[in-house]
């Protein structure tokens, strides 16, 4: 099906293009590079070409997931066609004190979720290595924030810094579990950071 000269290649390409802006639906960061078998074809050959078992994925997620499959309901990962985890925030961030150079991410599932749904969130976060992916992106952004925040702080103080961070958070509110929404949310909620802690990004003299 994935063969460039195969008769079914057009179906493969059509399935692979079913995401907005070619973004991987499993991590929301990488660009779609392949179709991943949600349930591995080695164990479920009868689902090998089932459209609902073929998920557009970036190379990172496709590799991270590999041949993993759920042995029970608590080991499932999120299926972007059947599961909607986008309406409520379930990933949070935290500054790796005392240095603001690193933002760590973790799962904090809403308490009203079922135990299976909470387990699925944790499993997906772990299997797709979202902590690593999110931290890599957020930490790159942090290094470029220092100069902008210093200028705002000089003219408007901590309130100006908070206003800027909160504005950037709200701009991304429609994707509450995206790394950049969580980045600005975390920074805006950290009093030490907005009162000048940001100057320590890259070291006090950087």
N, C-alpha and C. Protein backbone atom coordinates (compact mmCIF):
# COMPACT_ATOMS: atom_id res chain seq x y z
N UNK A 1 0.82 -1.21 0.00
CA UNK A 1 0.00 0.00 0.00
C UNK A 1 0.86 1.26 0.00
N UNK A 2 2.00 1.23 0.70
CA UNK A 2 2.86 2.41 0.79
C UNK A 2 3.85 2.49 -0.36
N UNK A 3 3.92 1.47 -1.17
CA UNK A 3 4.84 1.48 -2.31
C UNK A 3 4.50 2.64 -3.25
N UNK A 4 5.52 3.40 -3.65
CA UNK A 4 5.28 4.59 -4.47
C UNK A 4 4.64 4.25 -5.81
N UNK A 5 4.86 3.02 -6.28
CA UNK A 5 4.28 2.63 -7.56
C UNK A 5 3.10 1.71 -7.43
N UNK A 6 2.64 1.47 -6.19
CA UNK A 6 1.55 0.53 -5.96
C UNK A 6 0.19 1.09 -6.37
N UNK A 7 -0.72 0.19 -6.66
CA UNK A 7 -2.05 0.59 -7.10
C UNK A 7 -2.83 1.31 -6.00
N UNK A 8 -2.47 1.02 -4.75
CA UNK A 8 -3.22 1.62 -3.63
C UNK A 8 -2.52 2.85 -3.05
N UNK A 9 -1.47 3.32 -3.71
CA UNK A 9 -0.71 4.45 -3.17
C UNK A 9 -1.59 5.69 -2.98
N UNK A 10 -2.54 5.91 -3.85
CA UNK A 10 -3.39 7.09 -3.74
C UNK A 10 -4.21 7.06 -2.44
N UNK A 11 -4.63 5.85 -2.01
CA UNK A 11 -5.36 5.72 -0.76
C UNK A 11 -4.45 6.00 0.43
N UNK A 12 -3.22 5.54 0.33
CA UNK A 12 -2.22 5.77 1.38
C UNK A 12 -1.99 7.26 1.55
N UNK A 13 -1.79 7.97 0.44
CA UNK A 13 -1.55 9.41 0.49
C UNK A 13 -2.76 10.16 1.02
N UNK A 14 -3.96 9.71 0.64
CA UNK A 14 -5.18 10.37 1.11
C UNK A 14 -5.33 10.23 2.62
N UNK A 15 -5.05 9.05 3.15
CA UNK A 15 -5.13 8.83 4.59
C UNK A 15 -4.07 9.63 5.33
N UNK A 16 -2.90 9.74 4.73
CA UNK A 16 -1.79 10.44 5.38
C UNK A 16 -2.01 11.95 5.44
N UNK A 17 -2.87 12.45 4.57
CA UNK A 17 -3.10 13.90 4.50
C UNK A 17 -4.32 14.35 5.28
N UNK A 18 -4.86 13.49 6.13
CA UNK A 18 -6.09 13.80 6.84
C UNK A 18 -5.89 14.61 8.12
N UNK A 19 -4.79 15.32 8.25
CA UNK A 19 -4.55 16.11 9.44
C UNK A 19 -4.32 17.57 9.06
N UNK A 20 -4.69 18.47 9.96
CA UNK A 20 -4.52 19.89 9.70
C UNK A 20 -3.05 20.27 9.66
N UNK A 21 -2.66 20.95 8.62
CA UNK A 21 -1.28 21.44 8.46
C UNK A 21 -0.24 20.34 8.55
N UNK A 22 -0.65 19.11 8.20
CA UNK A 22 0.25 17.95 8.20
C UNK A 22 0.85 17.67 9.56
N UNK A 23 0.20 18.13 10.64
CA UNK A 23 0.71 17.89 11.99
C UNK A 23 0.32 16.49 12.47
N UNK A 24 1.24 15.84 13.13
CA UNK A 24 1.01 14.51 13.68
C UNK A 24 -0.06 14.59 14.76
N UNK A 25 -1.15 13.82 14.67
CA UNK A 25 -2.22 13.87 15.67
C UNK A 25 -1.85 13.17 16.97
N UNK A 26 -0.73 12.46 16.98
CA UNK A 26 -0.33 11.73 18.18
C UNK A 26 0.47 12.60 19.15
N UNK A 27 1.20 13.58 18.59
CA UNK A 27 1.99 14.47 19.45
C UNK A 27 1.65 15.93 19.23
N UNK A 28 1.08 16.26 18.07
CA UNK A 28 0.73 17.64 17.76
C UNK A 28 1.91 18.51 17.43
N UNK A 29 3.08 17.91 17.24
CA UNK A 29 4.30 18.68 17.01
C UNK A 29 4.94 18.35 15.67
N UNK A 30 5.24 17.07 15.45
CA UNK A 30 5.96 16.67 14.24
C UNK A 30 5.09 16.69 13.00
N UNK A 31 5.75 16.64 11.86
CA UNK A 31 5.04 16.58 10.58
C UNK A 31 4.79 15.12 10.21
N UNK A 32 3.61 14.86 9.68
CA UNK A 32 3.24 13.50 9.29
C UNK A 32 4.24 12.98 8.25
N UNK A 33 4.76 11.79 8.52
CA UNK A 33 5.73 11.19 7.61
C UNK A 33 5.31 9.80 7.15
N UNK A 34 4.34 9.20 7.86
CA UNK A 34 3.95 7.82 7.54
C UNK A 34 2.57 7.53 8.11
N UNK A 35 2.08 6.34 7.84
CA UNK A 35 0.86 5.85 8.48
C UNK A 35 1.26 4.80 9.50
N UNK A 36 0.83 5.01 10.73
CA UNK A 36 1.12 4.06 11.80
C UNK A 36 -0.04 3.11 11.99
N UNK A 37 0.26 1.83 12.20
CA UNK A 37 -0.78 0.86 12.53
C UNK A 37 -1.09 0.98 14.02
N UNK A 38 -2.27 1.49 14.33
CA UNK A 38 -2.63 1.65 15.74
C UNK A 38 -2.50 0.31 16.47
N UNK A 39 -3.02 -0.74 15.87
CA UNK A 39 -2.77 -2.10 16.35
C UNK A 39 -1.81 -2.73 15.34
N UNK A 40 -0.65 -3.20 15.78
CA UNK A 40 0.40 -3.67 14.85
C UNK A 40 -0.08 -4.77 13.91
N UNK A 41 0.30 -4.63 12.65
CA UNK A 41 -0.17 -5.59 11.65
C UNK A 41 0.41 -6.99 11.88
N UNK A 42 1.53 -7.08 12.60
CA UNK A 42 2.11 -8.39 12.88
C UNK A 42 1.17 -9.23 13.76
N UNK A 43 0.42 -8.55 14.64
CA UNK A 43 -0.50 -9.26 15.55
C UNK A 43 -1.94 -9.20 15.06
N UNK A 44 -2.24 -8.19 14.24
CA UNK A 44 -3.60 -8.04 13.73
C UNK A 44 -3.55 -7.86 12.21
N UNK A 45 -3.13 -8.89 11.48
CA UNK A 45 -2.97 -8.76 10.02
C UNK A 45 -4.27 -8.42 9.30
N UNK A 46 -5.40 -8.81 9.86
CA UNK A 46 -6.68 -8.53 9.21
C UNK A 46 -7.04 -7.04 9.29
N UNK A 47 -6.29 -6.27 10.11
CA UNK A 47 -6.50 -4.83 10.21
C UNK A 47 -5.42 -4.04 9.50
N UNK A 48 -4.57 -4.74 8.76
CA UNK A 48 -3.39 -4.12 8.15
C UNK A 48 -3.74 -2.96 7.23
N UNK A 49 -4.86 -3.07 6.51
CA UNK A 49 -5.24 -2.00 5.58
C UNK A 49 -6.58 -1.37 5.95
N UNK A 50 -7.04 -1.61 7.17
CA UNK A 50 -8.27 -0.98 7.64
C UNK A 50 -8.00 0.51 7.87
N UNK A 51 -8.74 1.40 7.22
CA UNK A 51 -8.48 2.84 7.35
C UNK A 51 -8.47 3.34 8.80
N UNK A 52 -9.34 2.77 9.64
CA UNK A 52 -9.41 3.24 11.02
C UNK A 52 -8.24 2.74 11.87
N UNK A 53 -7.45 1.85 11.32
CA UNK A 53 -6.27 1.38 12.04
C UNK A 53 -5.00 2.03 11.51
N UNK A 54 -5.15 2.88 10.51
CA UNK A 54 -4.00 3.56 9.90
C UNK A 54 -4.02 5.02 10.32
N UNK A 55 -3.08 5.40 11.17
CA UNK A 55 -3.06 6.73 11.76
C UNK A 55 -1.89 7.55 11.20
N UNK A 56 -2.14 8.73 10.65
CA UNK A 56 -1.04 9.59 10.23
C UNK A 56 -0.13 9.88 11.42
N UNK A 57 1.17 9.75 11.23
CA UNK A 57 2.10 9.93 12.35
C UNK A 57 3.42 10.51 11.87
N UNK A 58 4.08 11.25 12.74
CA UNK A 58 5.42 11.73 12.43
C UNK A 58 6.40 10.58 12.65
N UNK A 59 7.62 10.76 12.22
CA UNK A 59 8.60 9.69 12.34
C UNK A 59 8.88 9.36 13.80
N UNK A 60 8.92 10.39 14.64
CA UNK A 60 9.19 10.17 16.07
C UNK A 60 8.13 9.27 16.70
N UNK A 61 6.85 9.62 16.50
CA UNK A 61 5.77 8.84 17.11
C UNK A 61 5.68 7.44 16.52
N UNK A 62 5.89 7.34 15.22
CA UNK A 62 5.85 6.04 14.57
C UNK A 62 6.92 5.12 15.14
N UNK A 63 8.10 5.67 15.37
CA UNK A 63 9.21 4.89 15.93
C UNK A 63 8.99 4.60 17.42
N UNK A 64 8.53 5.62 18.16
CA UNK A 64 8.33 5.46 19.60
C UNK A 64 7.29 4.39 19.89
N UNK A 65 6.24 4.38 19.11
CA UNK A 65 5.17 3.41 19.32
C UNK A 65 5.61 2.01 18.91
N UNK A 66 6.34 1.92 17.79
CA UNK A 66 6.86 0.64 17.35
C UNK A 66 5.79 -0.44 17.26
N UNK A 67 6.06 -1.57 17.89
CA UNK A 67 5.14 -2.71 17.85
C UNK A 67 4.30 -2.82 19.12
N UNK A 68 4.28 -1.76 19.93
CA UNK A 68 3.51 -1.81 21.17
C UNK A 68 2.02 -1.96 20.88
N UNK A 69 1.37 -2.72 21.71
CA UNK A 69 -0.07 -2.88 21.59
C UNK A 69 -0.65 -3.08 22.99
N UNK A 70 -1.90 -2.71 23.20
CA UNK A 70 -2.48 -2.81 24.54
C UNK A 70 -2.85 -4.25 24.90
N UNK A 71 -2.36 -4.70 26.04
CA UNK A 71 -2.73 -6.02 26.54
C UNK A 71 -4.04 -5.96 27.31
N UNK A 72 -4.42 -4.73 27.71
CA UNK A 72 -5.69 -4.53 28.41
C UNK A 72 -6.11 -3.07 28.21
N UNK A 73 -7.25 -2.71 28.75
CA UNK A 73 -7.79 -1.37 28.55
C UNK A 73 -6.89 -0.27 29.11
N UNK A 74 -6.11 -0.62 30.13
CA UNK A 74 -5.26 0.38 30.79
C UNK A 74 -3.96 0.64 30.02
N UNK A 75 -3.71 -0.11 28.99
CA UNK A 75 -2.49 0.07 28.21
C UNK A 75 -2.75 0.68 26.83
N UNK A 76 -3.95 1.18 26.62
CA UNK A 76 -4.28 1.79 25.34
C UNK A 76 -3.63 3.17 25.23
N UNK A 77 -3.28 3.52 23.99
CA UNK A 77 -2.88 4.89 23.71
C UNK A 77 -4.08 5.60 23.06
N UNK A 78 -3.98 6.89 22.93
CA UNK A 78 -5.10 7.67 22.37
C UNK A 78 -5.24 7.41 20.88
N UNK A 79 -6.45 7.09 20.48
CA UNK A 79 -6.76 6.92 19.06
C UNK A 79 -7.40 8.21 18.58
N UNK A 80 -6.74 8.96 17.68
CA UNK A 80 -7.26 10.28 17.28
C UNK A 80 -8.59 10.25 16.57
N UNK A 81 -9.02 9.10 16.05
CA UNK A 81 -10.31 9.02 15.38
C UNK A 81 -11.46 8.76 16.35
N UNK A 82 -11.18 8.08 17.44
CA UNK A 82 -12.23 7.67 18.37
C UNK A 82 -12.18 8.38 19.72
N UNK A 83 -11.02 8.89 20.09
CA UNK A 83 -10.85 9.52 21.40
C UNK A 83 -10.69 11.04 21.25
N UNK A 84 -11.39 11.78 22.07
CA UNK A 84 -11.22 13.23 22.08
C UNK A 84 -10.66 13.65 23.42
N UNK A 85 -9.37 13.94 23.43
CA UNK A 85 -8.70 14.39 24.64
C UNK A 85 -8.33 15.87 24.52
N UNK A 86 -8.96 16.57 23.59
CA UNK A 86 -8.56 17.94 23.29
C UNK A 86 -9.37 19.00 24.03
N UNK A 87 -10.48 18.62 24.66
CA UNK A 87 -11.36 19.61 25.26
C UNK A 87 -10.96 20.00 26.68
N UNK A 88 -10.25 19.13 27.37
CA UNK A 88 -9.83 19.42 28.74
C UNK A 88 -8.31 19.28 28.84
N UNK A 89 -7.73 20.12 29.68
CA UNK A 89 -6.28 20.04 29.85
C UNK A 89 -5.91 18.87 30.76
N UNK A 90 -4.96 18.07 30.29
CA UNK A 90 -4.50 16.94 31.09
C UNK A 90 -2.97 16.85 31.14
N UNK A 91 -2.30 17.80 30.48
CA UNK A 91 -0.84 17.89 30.56
C UNK A 91 -0.50 19.22 31.22
N UNK A 92 0.42 19.22 32.15
CA UNK A 92 0.82 20.44 32.85
C UNK A 92 2.33 20.60 32.76
N UNK A 93 2.79 21.80 33.07
CA UNK A 93 4.22 22.08 33.05
C UNK A 93 4.70 22.58 34.40
N UNK A 94 6.00 22.55 34.61
CA UNK A 94 6.60 23.06 35.84
C UNK A 94 8.03 23.50 35.54
N UNK A 95 8.41 24.65 36.08
CA UNK A 95 9.78 25.11 35.92
C UNK A 95 10.68 24.25 36.79
N UNK A 96 11.78 23.82 36.20
CA UNK A 96 12.73 22.99 36.94
C UNK A 96 13.57 23.90 37.83
N UNK A 97 13.05 24.23 38.99
CA UNK A 97 13.70 25.13 39.93
C UNK A 97 15.08 24.57 40.34
N UNK A 98 16.09 25.45 40.54
CA UNK A 98 16.00 26.91 40.54
C UNK A 98 16.29 27.56 39.19
N UNK A 99 16.50 26.79 38.16
CA UNK A 99 16.80 27.35 36.85
C UNK A 99 15.57 27.35 35.96
N UNK A 100 15.26 28.51 35.32
CA UNK A 100 14.12 28.56 34.42
C UNK A 100 14.45 28.09 33.00
N UNK A 101 15.64 27.52 32.83
CA UNK A 101 16.04 27.07 31.50
C UNK A 101 15.28 25.84 31.04
N UNK A 102 14.71 25.11 31.99
CA UNK A 102 14.08 23.84 31.67
C UNK A 102 12.64 23.82 32.17
N UNK A 103 11.75 23.42 31.28
CA UNK A 103 10.35 23.22 31.66
C UNK A 103 10.07 21.73 31.56
N UNK A 104 9.57 21.16 32.64
CA UNK A 104 9.21 19.75 32.65
C UNK A 104 7.70 19.60 32.48
N UNK A 105 7.29 18.53 31.82
CA UNK A 105 5.88 18.28 31.56
C UNK A 105 5.47 16.95 32.17
N UNK A 106 4.23 16.89 32.61
CA UNK A 106 3.71 15.65 33.20
C UNK A 106 2.20 15.60 33.00
N UNK A 107 1.61 14.48 33.35
CA UNK A 107 0.16 14.28 33.21
C UNK A 107 -0.54 14.59 34.52
N UNK A 108 -1.60 15.38 34.43
CA UNK A 108 -2.50 15.59 35.57
C UNK A 108 -3.91 15.49 35.02
N UNK A 109 -4.41 14.27 34.97
CA UNK A 109 -5.73 14.02 34.38
C UNK A 109 -6.82 14.56 35.29
N UNK A 110 -7.89 15.13 34.73
CA UNK A 110 -9.01 15.61 35.54
C UNK A 110 -9.55 14.49 36.44
N UNK A 111 -9.81 14.79 37.69
CA UNK A 111 -10.24 13.75 38.64
C UNK A 111 -11.56 13.08 38.30
N UNK A 112 -12.41 13.75 37.49
CA UNK A 112 -13.69 13.15 37.16
C UNK A 112 -13.59 12.14 36.02
N UNK A 113 -12.40 12.02 35.40
CA UNK A 113 -12.22 11.02 34.35
C UNK A 113 -12.27 9.62 34.95
N UNK A 114 -12.69 8.68 34.15
CA UNK A 114 -12.67 7.28 34.57
C UNK A 114 -11.23 6.83 34.72
N UNK A 115 -11.02 5.74 35.46
CA UNK A 115 -9.67 5.23 35.65
C UNK A 115 -9.06 4.78 34.32
N UNK A 116 -9.88 4.26 33.42
CA UNK A 116 -9.37 3.83 32.12
C UNK A 116 -8.92 5.04 31.30
N UNK A 117 -9.71 6.09 31.32
CA UNK A 117 -9.35 7.29 30.56
C UNK A 117 -8.08 7.93 31.13
N UNK A 118 -7.95 7.97 32.43
CA UNK A 118 -6.74 8.50 33.05
C UNK A 118 -5.52 7.64 32.68
N UNK A 119 -5.71 6.33 32.70
CA UNK A 119 -4.61 5.43 32.34
C UNK A 119 -4.20 5.62 30.89
N UNK A 120 -5.18 5.83 30.02
CA UNK A 120 -4.89 6.04 28.60
C UNK A 120 -4.05 7.30 28.40
N UNK A 121 -4.37 8.35 29.14
CA UNK A 121 -3.61 9.60 29.05
C UNK A 121 -2.16 9.37 29.48
N UNK A 122 -1.98 8.69 30.59
CA UNK A 122 -0.62 8.40 31.08
C UNK A 122 0.14 7.52 30.09
N UNK A 123 -0.54 6.53 29.56
CA UNK A 123 0.10 5.60 28.62
C UNK A 123 0.52 6.32 27.34
N UNK A 124 -0.36 7.15 26.82
CA UNK A 124 -0.04 7.87 25.59
C UNK A 124 1.14 8.81 25.82
N UNK A 125 1.11 9.53 26.92
CA UNK A 125 2.19 10.46 27.26
C UNK A 125 3.52 9.74 27.34
N UNK A 126 3.50 8.54 27.94
CA UNK A 126 4.72 7.75 28.11
C UNK A 126 5.21 7.14 26.80
N UNK A 127 4.33 6.47 26.08
CA UNK A 127 4.72 5.78 24.85
C UNK A 127 5.22 6.76 23.80
N UNK A 128 4.53 7.88 23.62
CA UNK A 128 4.91 8.86 22.61
C UNK A 128 6.03 9.79 23.08
N UNK A 129 6.48 9.59 24.32
CA UNK A 129 7.57 10.40 24.88
C UNK A 129 7.25 11.89 24.78
N UNK A 130 6.01 12.25 25.13
CA UNK A 130 5.60 13.64 25.01
C UNK A 130 6.35 14.56 25.95
N UNK A 131 6.79 14.06 27.09
CA UNK A 131 7.57 14.88 28.01
C UNK A 131 8.84 15.37 27.34
N UNK A 132 9.52 14.48 26.63
CA UNK A 132 10.76 14.83 25.94
C UNK A 132 10.48 15.77 24.77
N UNK A 133 9.46 15.46 23.99
CA UNK A 133 9.12 16.28 22.82
C UNK A 133 8.72 17.68 23.24
N UNK A 134 7.85 17.77 24.25
CA UNK A 134 7.38 19.08 24.70
C UNK A 134 8.51 19.90 25.32
N UNK A 135 9.33 19.27 26.15
CA UNK A 135 10.43 19.99 26.79
C UNK A 135 11.41 20.53 25.75
N UNK A 136 11.70 19.74 24.74
CA UNK A 136 12.62 20.18 23.70
C UNK A 136 12.12 21.44 23.02
N UNK A 137 10.84 21.47 22.68
CA UNK A 137 10.27 22.64 22.02
C UNK A 137 10.17 23.83 22.97
N UNK A 138 9.69 23.59 24.17
CA UNK A 138 9.50 24.69 25.13
C UNK A 138 10.83 25.30 25.53
N UNK A 139 11.84 24.48 25.75
CA UNK A 139 13.13 24.99 26.19
C UNK A 139 13.81 25.81 25.11
N UNK A 140 13.56 25.48 23.85
CA UNK A 140 14.07 26.30 22.76
C UNK A 140 13.41 27.68 22.79
N UNK A 141 12.11 27.71 23.05
CA UNK A 141 11.39 28.99 23.10
C UNK A 141 11.82 29.83 24.29
N UNK A 142 12.14 29.19 25.39
CA UNK A 142 12.54 29.92 26.59
C UNK A 142 13.76 30.80 26.34
N UNK A 143 14.71 30.28 25.59
CA UNK A 143 15.95 31.03 25.36
C UNK A 143 15.69 32.32 24.57
N UNK A 144 14.66 32.32 23.74
CA UNK A 144 14.37 33.52 22.95
C UNK A 144 13.47 34.51 23.71
N UNK A 145 12.92 34.10 24.84
CA UNK A 145 12.02 34.94 25.61
C UNK A 145 12.73 35.96 26.49
N UNK A 146 13.94 35.65 26.89
CA UNK A 146 14.61 36.45 27.90
C UNK A 146 14.70 37.93 27.53
N UNK A 147 15.16 38.25 26.32
CA UNK A 147 15.33 39.64 25.92
C UNK A 147 13.99 40.37 25.86
N UNK A 148 12.97 39.71 25.32
CA UNK A 148 11.65 40.33 25.23
C UNK A 148 11.08 40.63 26.61
N UNK A 149 11.19 39.66 27.52
CA UNK A 149 10.65 39.86 28.86
C UNK A 149 11.43 40.93 29.62
N UNK A 150 12.73 41.02 29.38
CA UNK A 150 13.54 42.05 30.05
C UNK A 150 13.10 43.45 29.62
N UNK A 151 12.79 43.62 28.36
CA UNK A 151 12.32 44.92 27.86
C UNK A 151 10.97 45.27 28.46
N UNK A 152 10.07 44.29 28.52
CA UNK A 152 8.76 44.52 29.10
C UNK A 152 8.88 44.85 30.58
N UNK A 153 9.72 44.13 31.28
CA UNK A 153 9.92 44.32 32.72
C UNK A 153 10.47 45.71 33.02
N UNK A 154 11.36 46.17 32.17
CA UNK A 154 11.97 47.49 32.36
C UNK A 154 10.93 48.60 32.28
N UNK A 155 9.97 48.47 31.39
CA UNK A 155 8.99 49.53 31.18
C UNK A 155 7.68 49.33 31.96
N UNK A 156 7.30 48.08 32.21
CA UNK A 156 6.00 47.82 32.82
C UNK A 156 6.05 46.95 34.07
N UNK A 157 7.24 46.48 34.42
CA UNK A 157 7.38 45.69 35.63
C UNK A 157 6.74 44.31 35.54
N UNK A 158 6.58 43.65 36.70
CA UNK A 158 6.01 42.30 36.73
C UNK A 158 4.62 42.20 36.11
N UNK A 159 3.82 43.26 36.29
CA UNK A 159 2.46 43.24 35.72
C UNK A 159 2.51 43.15 34.21
N UNK A 160 3.44 43.88 33.60
CA UNK A 160 3.59 43.83 32.15
C UNK A 160 4.02 42.45 31.67
N UNK A 161 4.93 41.84 32.43
CA UNK A 161 5.39 40.49 32.09
C UNK A 161 4.23 39.51 32.19
N UNK A 162 3.47 39.62 33.28
CA UNK A 162 2.32 38.73 33.46
C UNK A 162 1.30 38.91 32.34
N UNK A 163 1.01 40.18 31.99
CA UNK A 163 0.04 40.46 30.93
C UNK A 163 0.48 39.82 29.61
N UNK A 164 1.75 39.94 29.31
CA UNK A 164 2.27 39.38 28.05
C UNK A 164 2.15 37.85 28.04
N UNK A 165 2.57 37.23 29.13
CA UNK A 165 2.54 35.77 29.21
C UNK A 165 1.10 35.27 29.18
N UNK A 166 0.21 35.94 29.88
CA UNK A 166 -1.19 35.51 29.91
C UNK A 166 -1.84 35.69 28.53
N UNK A 167 -1.48 36.77 27.84
CA UNK A 167 -2.01 36.98 26.49
C UNK A 167 -1.58 35.85 25.57
N UNK A 168 -0.29 35.48 25.64
CA UNK A 168 0.22 34.40 24.79
C UNK A 168 -0.43 33.07 25.15
N UNK A 169 -0.72 32.88 26.43
CA UNK A 169 -1.42 31.66 26.86
C UNK A 169 -2.82 31.62 26.28
N UNK A 170 -3.55 32.73 26.37
CA UNK A 170 -4.92 32.76 25.90
C UNK A 170 -5.02 32.63 24.39
N UNK A 171 -4.01 33.09 23.67
CA UNK A 171 -4.01 32.94 22.21
C UNK A 171 -4.01 31.47 21.80
N UNK A 172 -3.52 30.62 22.71
CA UNK A 172 -3.39 29.20 22.42
C UNK A 172 -4.40 28.35 23.20
N UNK A 173 -5.40 29.01 23.77
CA UNK A 173 -6.34 28.32 24.66
C UNK A 173 -7.16 27.25 23.96
N UNK A 174 -7.32 27.35 22.65
CA UNK A 174 -8.11 26.33 21.94
C UNK A 174 -7.38 25.00 21.85
N UNK A 175 -6.08 25.01 22.12
CA UNK A 175 -5.31 23.76 22.15
C UNK A 175 -4.66 23.65 23.53
N UNK A 176 -5.47 23.36 24.57
CA UNK A 176 -4.98 23.42 25.95
C UNK A 176 -3.83 22.48 26.27
N UNK A 177 -3.65 21.42 25.48
CA UNK A 177 -2.58 20.47 25.77
C UNK A 177 -1.38 20.62 24.84
N UNK A 178 -1.34 21.72 24.09
CA UNK A 178 -0.17 21.97 23.24
C UNK A 178 0.99 22.45 24.11
N UNK A 179 2.19 22.15 23.69
CA UNK A 179 3.36 22.53 24.50
C UNK A 179 3.46 24.03 24.70
N UNK A 180 3.09 24.83 23.66
CA UNK A 180 3.26 26.27 23.80
C UNK A 180 2.19 26.89 24.70
N UNK A 181 0.96 26.35 24.68
CA UNK A 181 -0.04 26.84 25.62
C UNK A 181 0.40 26.56 27.05
N UNK A 182 0.89 25.37 27.29
CA UNK A 182 1.31 25.00 28.64
C UNK A 182 2.55 25.79 29.06
N UNK A 183 3.44 26.07 28.10
CA UNK A 183 4.63 26.88 28.40
C UNK A 183 4.22 28.23 28.98
N UNK A 184 3.38 28.98 28.26
CA UNK A 184 3.02 30.32 28.71
C UNK A 184 2.12 30.27 29.95
N UNK A 185 1.31 29.26 30.06
CA UNK A 185 0.48 29.09 31.26
C UNK A 185 1.36 28.90 32.49
N UNK A 186 2.35 28.05 32.35
CA UNK A 186 3.24 27.75 33.48
C UNK A 186 4.04 28.98 33.90
N UNK A 187 4.56 29.71 32.92
CA UNK A 187 5.35 30.90 33.23
C UNK A 187 4.49 31.98 33.87
N UNK A 188 3.26 32.17 33.35
CA UNK A 188 2.37 33.20 33.88
C UNK A 188 1.94 32.90 35.31
N UNK A 189 1.91 31.63 35.67
CA UNK A 189 1.47 31.22 37.01
C UNK A 189 2.61 31.17 38.02
N UNK A 190 3.82 31.49 37.59
CA UNK A 190 4.98 31.40 38.48
C UNK A 190 5.41 32.81 38.91
N UNK A 191 5.10 33.16 40.16
CA UNK A 191 5.41 34.49 40.67
C UNK A 191 6.88 34.82 40.64
N UNK A 192 7.72 33.85 40.98
CA UNK A 192 9.17 34.08 40.96
C UNK A 192 9.64 34.44 39.56
N UNK A 193 9.11 33.75 38.56
CA UNK A 193 9.52 33.98 37.18
C UNK A 193 9.14 35.38 36.72
N UNK A 194 7.89 35.80 36.94
CA UNK A 194 7.44 37.10 36.43
C UNK A 194 8.03 38.27 37.23
N UNK A 195 8.51 38.01 38.44
CA UNK A 195 9.14 39.07 39.24
C UNK A 195 10.65 39.14 39.02
N UNK A 196 11.10 38.66 37.90
CA UNK A 196 12.51 38.80 37.55
C UNK A 196 13.26 37.50 37.43
N UNK A 197 12.63 36.37 37.78
CA UNK A 197 13.33 35.10 37.68
C UNK A 197 13.74 34.76 36.26
N UNK A 198 13.02 35.33 35.29
CA UNK A 198 13.34 35.04 33.89
C UNK A 198 14.75 35.47 33.52
N UNK A 199 15.34 36.41 34.28
CA UNK A 199 16.68 36.91 33.97
C UNK A 199 17.72 35.80 34.10
N UNK A 200 17.36 34.71 34.80
CA UNK A 200 18.28 33.59 35.00
C UNK A 200 18.27 32.60 33.84
N UNK A 201 17.45 32.86 32.83
CA UNK A 201 17.46 31.99 31.66
C UNK A 201 18.84 32.07 31.01
N UNK A 202 19.48 30.93 30.86
CA UNK A 202 20.82 30.91 30.28
C UNK A 202 21.89 31.33 31.24
N UNK A 203 21.54 31.55 32.52
CA UNK A 203 22.50 32.03 33.51
C UNK A 203 22.33 33.53 33.69
N UNK A 204 22.57 34.05 34.88
CA UNK A 204 22.35 35.47 35.16
C UNK A 204 23.07 36.42 34.22
N UNK A 205 24.19 35.99 33.67
CA UNK A 205 24.97 36.89 32.83
C UNK A 205 24.78 36.63 31.36
N UNK A 206 23.90 35.65 31.01
CA UNK A 206 23.73 35.30 29.60
C UNK A 206 22.94 36.39 28.87
